[in-house]
Amino acid sequence: MEKQKLSAVVFDCDGVLIESNAVKTMAFGQTVEEFGQKAMDRLMNYHREHGGISRFKKFEWFYREVVKATLSDEMMDTLCDRFTRFCIDAVMDVPMVAGAKESLDLLSGKLPMFVASGTPEKELQDILIQRGLAAYFKRIHGTPPEKQYLLERIISENGLDASKVLMVGDAVADLKAAQFCNTLFYGRGERFNGENVPWSQDLTGLVEYLGRLHF
């Protein structure tokens, strides 16, 4: 592979930096427990299939497609508060993704790093601060807006050449954001097999990939 100088690396958080996807899947189910097991399963499956999309969009889908009712602002706030309560402590306890810490250490002081996540920004910042990871990043971005616009903002605000920015993600939404902004992409997880992008089961492969690039 031809070596290409990077100018920045942007990480998703859940499933990329920390192994929090399973915890959040269960939290989505618990949040709508009052609607019964079938409804819980539908929301959990929707969450698994639509990683990288904000909880607001997922609850809107749930009410529209499963409950078949209008979701009021008050109920949205209730669902989001309930979801946060179910998952926040557990997210603090899950391990980091294998290779994530090594990747951050490898890049630290050499390239600016950012986070672009579907988690609300204040909550995301609090999680990364409490986990001792915030200092690695020049800026931590959460929703709103959606992922592609977060990535676009990072590129624009920092005067970056998109073709030299690497987005690291574990969801189709992350890949679509990279394609939307014309950045490089590295995938975590087998879902990217056949997508014509570099990927590995965890981030141990990212360390090797970065070693083949100038940065």
C-alpha atoms as a PDB file:
ATOM      1  CA  MET A   1       0.000   0.000   0.000  1.00  0.00           C
ATOM      2  CA  GLU A   2       1.251   3.445  -0.891  1.00  0.00           C
ATOM      3  CA  LYS A   3       2.104   5.437   2.195  1.00  0.00           C
ATOM      4  CA  GLN A   4      -0.131   8.437   2.807  1.00  0.00           C
ATOM      5  CA  LYS A   5       0.437  11.149   5.379  1.00  0.00           C
ATOM      6  CA  LEU A   6      -2.432  11.553   7.825  1.00  0.00           C
ATOM      7  CA  SER A   7      -3.510  14.903   9.243  1.00  0.00           C
ATOM      8  CA  ALA A   8      -5.984  13.709  11.914  1.00  0.00           C
ATOM      9  CA  VAL A   9      -7.804  10.656  13.252  1.00  0.00           C
ATOM     10  CA  VAL A  10     -11.470  10.675  14.304  1.00  0.00           C
ATOM     11  CA  PHE A  11     -12.806   7.893  16.553  1.00  0.00           C
ATOM     12  CA  ASP A  12     -16.321   6.771  17.272  1.00  0.00           C
ATOM     13  CA  CYS A  13     -16.730   5.868  20.957  1.00  0.00           C
ATOM     14  CA  ASP A  14     -19.095   2.936  21.602  1.00  0.00           C
ATOM     15  CA  GLY A  15     -17.616  -0.259  20.191  1.00  0.00           C
ATOM     16  CA  VAL A  16     -14.469   1.539  19.049  1.00  0.00           C
ATOM     17  CA  LEU A  17     -12.881   2.995  22.180  1.00  0.00           C
ATOM     18  CA  ILE A  18     -14.900   1.092  24.798  1.00  0.00           C
ATOM     19  CA  GLU A  19     -16.852  -2.186  24.650  1.00  0.00           C
ATOM     20  CA  SER A  20     -20.171  -0.545  25.474  1.00  0.00           C
ATOM     21  CA  ASN A  21     -22.443  -1.747  22.656  1.00  0.00           C
ATOM     22  CA  ALA A  22     -23.907  -4.715  24.540  1.00  0.00           C
ATOM     23  CA  VAL A  23     -24.547  -2.591  27.639  1.00  0.00           C
ATOM     24  CA  LYS A  24     -26.394   0.013  25.586  1.00  0.00           C
ATOM     25  CA  THR A  25     -28.408  -2.646  23.753  1.00  0.00           C
ATOM     26  CA  MET A  26     -29.686  -3.959  27.090  1.00  0.00           C
ATOM     27  CA  ALA A  27     -30.378  -0.400  28.262  1.00  0.00           C
ATOM     28  CA  PHE A  28     -32.593   0.232  25.230  1.00  0.00           C
ATOM     29  CA  GLY A  29     -34.582  -2.878  26.097  1.00  0.00           C
ATOM     30  CA  GLN A  30     -34.939  -1.939  29.759  1.00  0.00           C
ATOM     31  CA  THR A  31     -36.032   1.574  28.829  1.00  0.00           C
ATOM     32  CA  VAL A  32     -39.144   0.312  27.008  1.00  0.00           C
ATOM     33  CA  GLU A  33     -39.867  -2.686  29.243  1.00  0.00           C
ATOM     34  CA  GLU A  34     -43.404  -1.435  29.923  1.00  0.00           C
ATOM     35  CA  PHE A  35     -44.303  -2.180  26.277  1.00  0.00           C
ATOM     36  CA  GLY A  36     -43.515  -5.899  26.557  1.00  0.00           C
ATOM     37  CA  GLN A  37     -40.820  -8.305  25.396  1.00  0.00           C
ATOM     38  CA  LYS A  38     -41.621  -8.182  21.669  1.00  0.00           C
ATOM     39  CA  ALA A  39     -41.382  -4.389  21.676  1.00  0.00           C
ATOM     40  CA  MET A  40     -38.130  -4.576  23.651  1.00  0.00           C
ATOM     41  CA  ASP A  41     -36.683  -7.038  21.149  1.00  0.00           C
ATOM     42  CA  ARG A  42     -37.645  -4.854  18.191  1.00  0.00           C
ATOM     43  CA  LEU A  43     -35.931  -1.797  19.655  1.00  0.00           C
ATOM     44  CA  MET A  44     -32.828  -3.761  20.639  1.00  0.00           C
ATOM     45  CA  ASN A  45     -32.603  -5.247  17.145  1.00  0.00           C
ATOM     46  CA  TYR A  46     -33.085  -1.819  15.588  1.00  0.00           C
ATOM     47  CA  HIS A  47     -30.288  -0.460  17.775  1.00  0.00           C
ATOM     48  CA  ARG A  48     -27.945  -3.295  16.728  1.00  0.00           C
ATOM     49  CA  GLU A  49     -28.674  -2.652  13.064  1.00  0.00           C
ATOM     50  CA  HIS A  50     -28.364   1.134  13.296  1.00  0.00           C
ATOM     51  CA  GLY A  51     -25.244   1.778  15.331  1.00  0.00           C
ATOM     52  CA  GLY A  52     -23.926   5.320  15.298  1.00  0.00           C
ATOM     53  CA  ILE A  53     -27.418   6.846  15.181  1.00  0.00           C
ATOM     54  CA  SER A  54     -28.575   8.906  18.152  1.00  0.00           C
ATOM     55  CA  ARG A  55     -30.943   7.554  20.789  1.00  0.00           C
ATOM     56  CA  PHE A  56     -33.391  10.328  19.842  1.00  0.00           C
ATOM     57  CA  LYS A  57     -33.778   8.893  16.328  1.00  0.00           C
ATOM     58  CA  LYS A  58     -34.177   5.383  17.761  1.00  0.00           C
ATOM     59  CA  PHE A  59     -36.920   6.377  20.175  1.00  0.00           C
ATOM     60  CA  GLU A  60     -38.668   8.300  17.393  1.00  0.00           C
ATOM     61  CA  TRP A  61     -38.580   5.139  15.264  1.00  0.00           C
ATOM     62  CA  PHE A  62     -39.836   3.026  18.178  1.00  0.00           C
ATOM     63  CA  TYR A  63     -42.865   5.195  18.791  1.00  0.00           C
ATOM     64  CA  ARG A  64     -43.668   5.553  15.094  1.00  0.00           C
ATOM     65  CA  GLU A  65     -43.198   1.914  14.057  1.00  0.00           C
ATOM     66  CA  VAL A  66     -43.834  -0.094  17.226  1.00  0.00           C
ATOM     67  CA  VAL A  67     -46.041   1.936  19.574  1.00  0.00           C
ATOM     68  CA  LYS A  68     -47.874   3.568  16.629  1.00  0.00           C
ATOM     69  CA  ALA A  69     -48.281   6.811  18.551  1.00  0.00           C
ATOM     70  CA  THR A  70     -46.949  10.344  18.560  1.00  0.00           C
ATOM     71  CA  LEU A  71     -43.874  10.772  20.745  1.00  0.00           C
ATOM     72  CA  SER A  72     -44.246  13.928  22.838  1.00  0.00           C
ATOM     73  CA  ASP A  73     -41.288  16.014  23.951  1.00  0.00           C
ATOM     74  CA  GLU A  74     -42.068  15.058  27.546  1.00  0.00           C
ATOM     75  CA  MET A  75     -42.019  11.328  26.783  1.00  0.00           C
ATOM     76  CA  MET A  76     -38.794  11.726  24.774  1.00  0.00           C
ATOM     77  CA  ASP A  77     -37.183  13.332  27.828  1.00  0.00           C
ATOM     78  CA  THR A  78     -38.486  10.511  30.040  1.00  0.00           C
ATOM     79  CA  LEU A  79     -37.122   7.805  27.733  1.00  0.00           C
ATOM     80  CA  CYS A  80     -33.730   9.489  27.415  1.00  0.00           C
ATOM     81  CA  ASP A  81     -33.401  10.013  31.173  1.00  0.00           C
ATOM     82  CA  ARG A  82     -34.395   6.395  31.800  1.00  0.00           C
ATOM     83  CA  PHE A  83     -31.914   5.137  29.188  1.00  0.00           C
ATOM     84  CA  THR A  84     -29.063   7.179  30.689  1.00  0.00           C
ATOM     85  CA  ARG A  85     -29.871   5.887  34.169  1.00  0.00           C
ATOM     86  CA  PHE A  86     -29.761   2.259  32.991  1.00  0.00           C
ATOM     87  CA  CYS A  87     -26.474   2.496  31.093  1.00  0.00           C
ATOM     88  CA  ILE A  88     -24.264   5.213  32.593  1.00  0.00           C
ATOM     89  CA  ASP A  89     -22.719   3.224  35.460  1.00  0.00           C
ATOM     90  CA  ALA A  90     -22.259   0.110  33.333  1.00  0.00           C
ATOM     91  CA  VAL A  91     -20.484   2.107  30.607  1.00  0.00           C
ATOM     92  CA  MET A  92     -17.903   3.166  33.175  1.00  0.00           C
ATOM     93  CA  ASP A  93     -17.089  -0.461  33.958  1.00  0.00           C
ATOM     94  CA  VAL A  94     -16.766  -2.051  30.508  1.00  0.00           C
ATOM     95  CA  PRO A  95     -13.229  -2.693  29.183  1.00  0.00           C
ATOM     96  CA  MET A  96     -11.603  -0.737  26.409  1.00  0.00           C
ATOM     97  CA  VAL A  97     -11.638  -2.298  22.959  1.00  0.00           C
ATOM     98  CA  ALA A  98      -8.452  -4.343  22.471  1.00  0.00           C
ATOM     99  CA  GLY A  99      -5.880  -2.162  20.725  1.00  0.00           C
ATOM    100  CA  ALA A 100      -7.685   1.118  21.441  1.00  0.00           C
ATOM    101  CA  LYS A 101      -5.324   2.295  24.182  1.00  0.00           C
ATOM    102  CA  GLU A 102      -2.305   1.261  22.127  1.00  0.00           C
ATOM    103  CA  SER A 103      -3.640   3.223  19.148  1.00  0.00           C
ATOM    104  CA  LEU A 104      -4.217   6.333  21.261  1.00  0.00           C
ATOM    105  CA  ASP A 105      -0.744   6.091  22.774  1.00  0.00           C
ATOM    106  CA  LEU A 106       0.807   5.610  19.340  1.00  0.00           C
ATOM    107  CA  LEU A 107      -0.909   8.722  17.955  1.00  0.00           C
ATOM    108  CA  SER A 108      -0.648  10.930  21.041  1.00  0.00           C
ATOM    109  CA  GLY A 109       1.502  13.995  20.449  1.00  0.00           C
ATOM    110  CA  LYS A 110       1.878  13.138  16.765  1.00  0.00           C
ATOM    111  CA  LEU A 111      -1.586  13.814  15.301  1.00  0.00           C
ATOM    112  CA  PRO A 112      -4.705  15.605  16.510  1.00  0.00           C
ATOM    113  CA  MET A 113      -7.408  13.142  17.532  1.00  0.00           C
ATOM    114  CA  PHE A 114     -11.152  13.737  17.799  1.00  0.00           C
ATOM    115  CA  VAL A 115     -14.263  11.832  18.861  1.00  0.00           C
ATOM    116  CA  ALA A 116     -17.458  11.867  16.790  1.00  0.00           C
ATOM    117  CA  SER A 117     -20.211   9.854  18.487  1.00  0.00           C
ATOM    118  CA  GLY A 118     -23.959   9.362  18.466  1.00  0.00           C
ATOM    119  CA  THR A 119     -23.990   9.874  22.247  1.00  0.00           C
ATOM    120  CA  PRO A 120     -25.171  13.296  23.505  1.00  0.00           C
ATOM    121  CA  GLU A 121     -22.119  15.529  23.805  1.00  0.00           C
ATOM    122  CA  LYS A 122     -22.192  16.375  27.528  1.00  0.00           C
ATOM    123  CA  GLU A 123     -22.729  12.736  28.499  1.00  0.00           C
ATOM    124  CA  LEU A 124     -19.967  11.641  26.125  1.00  0.00           C
ATOM    125  CA  GLN A 125     -17.521  14.166  27.551  1.00  0.00           C
ATOM    126  CA  ASP A 126     -18.317  13.089  31.118  1.00  0.00           C
ATOM    127  CA  ILE A 127     -17.752   9.415  30.247  1.00  0.00           C
ATOM    128  CA  LEU A 128     -14.380  10.036  28.601  1.00  0.00           C
ATOM    129  CA  ILE A 129     -13.247  12.350  31.408  1.00  0.00           C
ATOM    130  CA  GLN A 130     -14.160   9.812  34.089  1.00  0.00           C
ATOM    131  CA  ARG A 131     -12.438   7.034  32.136  1.00  0.00           C
ATOM    132  CA  GLY A 132      -9.256   9.102  31.840  1.00  0.00           C
ATOM    133  CA  LEU A 133      -9.408   9.290  28.033  1.00  0.00           C
ATOM    134  CA  ALA A 134     -10.504  12.885  27.365  1.00  0.00           C
ATOM    135  CA  ALA A 135      -6.963  14.287  27.399  1.00  0.00           C
ATOM    136  CA  TYR A 136      -6.082  12.316  24.254  1.00  0.00           C
ATOM    137  CA  PHE A 137      -8.524  14.328  22.154  1.00  0.00           C
ATOM    138  CA  LYS A 138      -8.422  17.847  20.760  1.00  0.00           C
ATOM    139  CA  ARG A 139     -12.218  17.918  20.778  1.00  0.00           C
ATOM    140  CA  ILE A 140     -15.018  15.527  21.734  1.00  0.00           C
ATOM    141  CA  HIS A 141     -18.131  15.843  19.568  1.00  0.00           C
ATOM    142  CA  GLY A 142     -21.490  14.201  20.286  1.00  0.00           C
ATOM    143  CA  THR A 143     -25.009  14.526  18.923  1.00  0.00           C
ATOM    144  CA  PRO A 144     -26.733  16.547  17.730  1.00  0.00           C
ATOM    145  CA  PRO A 145     -26.098  16.761  14.770  1.00  0.00           C
ATOM    146  CA  GLU A 146     -25.778  13.407  12.980  1.00  0.00           C
ATOM    147  CA  LYS A 147     -22.442  11.664  12.465  1.00  0.00           C
ATOM    148  CA  GLN A 148     -21.626  12.892   8.945  1.00  0.00           C
ATOM    149  CA  TYR A 149     -22.144  16.494  10.017  1.00  0.00           C
ATOM    150  CA  LEU A 150     -19.974  16.004  13.099  1.00  0.00           C
ATOM    151  CA  LEU A 151     -17.192  14.732  10.861  1.00  0.00           C
ATOM    152  CA  GLU A 152     -17.764  17.553   8.382  1.00  0.00           C
ATOM    153  CA  ARG A 153     -17.521  20.093  11.229  1.00  0.00           C
ATOM    154  CA  ILE A 154     -14.242  18.621  12.469  1.00  0.00           C
ATOM    155  CA  ILE A 155     -12.731  18.893   8.986  1.00  0.00           C
ATOM    156  CA  SER A 156     -14.015  22.433   8.418  1.00  0.00           C
ATOM    157  CA  GLU A 157     -13.230  23.926  11.837  1.00  0.00           C
ATOM    158  CA  ASN A 158      -9.672  22.576  11.824  1.00  0.00           C
ATOM    159  CA  GLY A 159      -8.840  23.325   8.195  1.00  0.00           C
ATOM    160  CA  LEU A 160      -8.124  19.668   7.445  1.00  0.00           C
ATOM    161  CA  ASP A 161      -7.687  17.957   4.091  1.00  0.00           C
ATOM    162  CA  ALA A 162     -10.495  15.362   4.176  1.00  0.00           C
ATOM    163  CA  SER A 163      -8.464  12.912   2.099  1.00  0.00           C
ATOM    164  CA  LYS A 164      -5.893  12.781   4.924  1.00  0.00           C
ATOM    165  CA  VAL A 165      -8.376  12.313   7.769  1.00  0.00           C
ATOM    166  CA  LEU A 166      -8.960   8.782   9.071  1.00  0.00           C
ATOM    167  CA  MET A 167     -12.373   7.906  10.525  1.00  0.00           C
ATOM    168  CA  VAL A 168     -12.381   4.836  12.789  1.00  0.00           C
ATOM    169  CA  GLY A 169     -15.808   3.301  13.365  1.00  0.00           C
ATOM    170  CA  ASP A 170     -17.801   0.134  13.959  1.00  0.00           C
ATOM    171  CA  ALA A 171     -21.134   1.014  12.333  1.00  0.00           C
ATOM    172  CA  VAL A 172     -22.468   1.527   8.832  1.00  0.00           C
ATOM    173  CA  ALA A 173     -23.260   5.119   9.875  1.00  0.00           C
ATOM    174  CA  ASP A 174     -19.547   5.669  10.485  1.00  0.00           C
ATOM    175  CA  LEU A 175     -18.630   4.367   7.039  1.00  0.00           C
ATOM    176  CA  LYS A 176     -21.351   6.480   5.433  1.00  0.00           C
ATOM    177  CA  ALA A 177     -20.054   9.557   7.266  1.00  0.00           C
ATOM    178  CA  ALA A 178     -16.553   8.897   5.923  1.00  0.00           C
ATOM    179  CA  GLN A 179     -17.924   8.453   2.409  1.00  0.00           C
ATOM    180  CA  PHE A 180     -20.019  11.618   2.738  1.00  0.00           C
ATOM    181  CA  CYS A 181     -16.922  13.624   3.752  1.00  0.00           C
ATOM    182  CA  ASN A 182     -14.471  11.758   1.466  1.00  0.00           C
ATOM    183  CA  THR A 183     -12.189  10.694   4.315  1.00  0.00           C
ATOM    184  CA  LEU A 184     -10.252   7.494   4.843  1.00  0.00           C
ATOM    185  CA  PHE A 185     -11.955   4.813   6.916  1.00  0.00           C
ATOM    186  CA  TYR A 186     -10.915   1.948   9.203  1.00  0.00           C
ATOM    187  CA  GLY A 187     -13.586  -0.453  10.414  1.00  0.00           C
ATOM    188  CA  ARG A 188     -13.839  -2.359  13.668  1.00  0.00           C
ATOM    189  CA  GLY A 189     -15.765  -5.586  13.191  1.00  0.00           C
ATOM    190  CA  GLU A 190     -16.595  -8.239  10.625  1.00  0.00           C
ATOM    191  CA  ARG A 191     -19.538  -6.222   9.252  1.00  0.00           C
ATOM    192  CA  PHE A 192     -16.948  -4.452   7.065  1.00  0.00           C
ATOM    193  CA  ASN A 193     -15.785  -7.647   5.399  1.00  0.00           C
ATOM    194  CA  GLY A 194     -16.448  -7.114   1.708  1.00  0.00           C
ATOM    195  CA  GLU A 195     -16.826  -3.328   1.992  1.00  0.00           C
ATOM    196  CA  ASN A 196     -13.430  -2.667   0.372  1.00  0.00           C
ATOM    197  CA  VAL A 197     -12.111  -0.870   3.455  1.00  0.00           C
ATOM    198  CA  PRO A 198      -9.413  -1.937   5.936  1.00  0.00           C
ATOM    199  CA  TRP A 199     -10.886  -3.554   9.043  1.00  0.00           C
ATOM    200  CA  SER A 200     -10.139  -5.926  11.910  1.00  0.00           C
ATOM    201  CA  GLN A 201     -12.058  -7.683  14.672  1.00  0.00           C
ATOM    202  CA  ASP A 202     -10.792  -5.160  17.247  1.00  0.00           C
ATOM    203  CA  LEU A 203      -8.317  -2.281  17.111  1.00  0.00           C
ATOM    204  CA  THR A 204      -5.159  -4.355  17.332  1.00  0.00           C
ATOM    205  CA  GLY A 205      -5.254  -4.277  13.540  1.00  0.00           C
ATOM    206  CA  LEU A 206      -5.416  -0.474  13.577  1.00  0.00           C
ATOM    207  CA  VAL A 207      -1.998  -0.303  15.247  1.00  0.00           C
ATOM    208  CA  GLU A 208      -0.536  -2.305  12.367  1.00  0.00           C
ATOM    209  CA  TYR A 209      -2.437  -0.219   9.799  1.00  0.00           C
ATOM    210  CA  LEU A 210      -1.146   3.042  11.274  1.00  0.00           C
ATOM    211  CA  GLY A 211       2.352   1.637  11.176  1.00  0.00           C
ATOM    212  CA  ARG A 212       2.071   1.472   7.378  1.00  0.00           C
ATOM    213  CA  LEU A 213       1.102   5.154   7.113  1.00  0.00           C
ATOM    214  CA  HIS A 214       3.118   8.325   7.624  1.00  0.00           C
ATOM    215  CA  PHE A 215       1.818  10.434  10.490  1.00  0.00           C
END
